[in-house]
Amino acid sequence: MTLLEQSDYVSFMSCGMKLYLEGQTTGINDVGNFRGEDLKNKGGHMYNNTRVTEINTYTHTVTAEDVKTGAKKEFKYDK
């Protein structure tokens, strides 16, 4: 599994964002679905600061750009 995330953080749980904004959690790190290390430990790949710029459904590829350097990379996907 490969996960592309535009920000520094792994995406929030939808209900977790509400709790964070209402001040009902102990911190921003407590409202995520998982940590990037969790995915890596299961053989996955996490790309933070990577914005998807194009999805090609014919070739099953995703083009993404590193938001800090502007470098582009293409990823293959199956579903």
Protein backbone atom coordinates (compact mmCIF):
# COMPACT_ATOMS: atom_id res chain seq x y z
CA MET A 1 0.00 0.00 0.00
CA THR A 2 1.17 3.50 -0.82
CA LEU A 3 -0.30 6.59 0.80
CA LEU A 4 0.26 10.10 -0.56
CA GLU A 5 -0.36 12.92 1.92
CA GLN A 6 -0.11 16.59 0.99
CA SER A 7 0.78 17.75 4.52
CA ASP A 8 3.30 16.78 7.20
CA TYR A 9 0.67 14.76 9.05
CA VAL A 10 -1.27 11.61 8.30
CA SER A 11 -4.90 12.51 7.59
CA PHE A 12 -7.25 13.01 10.51
CA MET A 13 -10.22 10.83 11.32
CA SER A 14 -13.32 12.80 10.36
CA CYS A 15 -14.72 12.63 13.90
CA GLY A 16 -11.26 13.33 15.33
CA MET A 17 -11.02 16.68 13.56
CA LYS A 18 -14.26 17.79 15.21
CA LEU A 19 -13.00 16.72 18.63
CA TYR A 20 -9.70 18.54 18.08
CA LEU A 21 -11.36 21.77 16.96
CA GLU A 22 -13.68 21.65 19.97
CA GLY A 23 -10.71 21.17 22.31
CA GLN A 24 -11.96 17.77 23.49
CA THR A 25 -8.70 15.86 22.88
CA THR A 26 -5.30 15.87 24.52
CA GLY A 27 -3.60 16.97 21.29
CA ILE A 28 -3.40 16.95 17.53
CA ASN A 29 -1.48 13.65 17.48
CA ASP A 30 -4.39 11.87 19.18
CA VAL A 31 -6.89 12.26 16.34
CA GLY A 32 -5.15 10.44 13.49
CA ASN A 33 -6.21 7.13 12.00
CA PHE A 34 -2.65 5.82 12.32
CA ARG A 35 0.96 6.95 12.27
CA GLY A 36 3.17 6.78 9.18
CA GLU A 37 5.39 4.28 11.02
CA ASP A 38 2.41 1.93 11.37
CA LEU A 39 2.05 1.74 7.61
CA LYS A 40 5.79 1.26 7.10
CA ASN A 41 5.85 -1.58 9.66
CA LYS A 42 3.22 -3.38 7.57
CA GLY A 43 5.27 -3.07 4.38
CA GLY A 44 3.55 0.07 3.07
CA HIS A 45 4.96 3.36 1.88
CA MET A 46 4.09 6.83 3.14
CA TYR A 47 4.87 9.97 1.14
CA ASN A 48 4.23 13.13 3.17
CA ASN A 49 4.26 16.57 1.54
CA THR A 50 3.20 14.96 -1.75
CA ARG A 51 0.31 16.48 -3.69
CA VAL A 52 -1.48 14.48 -6.37
CA THR A 53 -1.66 16.51 -9.58
CA GLU A 54 -3.04 13.98 -12.04
CA ILE A 55 -4.77 10.60 -12.08
CA ASN A 56 -4.69 8.63 -15.33
CA THR A 57 -7.33 5.91 -15.19
CA TYR A 58 -6.22 4.42 -18.53
CA THR A 59 -2.61 3.75 -17.51
CA HIS A 60 -3.43 3.33 -13.79
CA THR A 61 -0.92 5.97 -12.76
CA VAL A 62 -0.94 8.90 -10.36
CA THR A 63 1.36 11.85 -10.89
CA ALA A 64 2.36 13.64 -7.70
CA GLU A 65 4.52 16.61 -6.79
CA ASP A 66 6.67 17.10 -3.71
CA VAL A 67 5.23 20.32 -2.23
CA LYS A 68 8.62 21.39 -0.85
CA THR A 69 10.90 20.71 -3.83
CA GLY A 70 8.51 20.61 -6.80
CA ALA A 71 9.94 17.25 -7.88
CA LYS A 72 7.40 15.08 -9.71
CA LYS A 73 6.99 11.32 -9.44
CA GLU A 74 4.64 8.82 -11.02
CA PHE A 75 3.03 6.02 -9.03
CA LYS A 76 1.25 2.96 -10.43
CA TYR A 77 -1.99 1.82 -8.77
CA ASP A 78 -4.26 -1.19 -9.06
CA LYS A 79 -7.44 0.04 -7.35
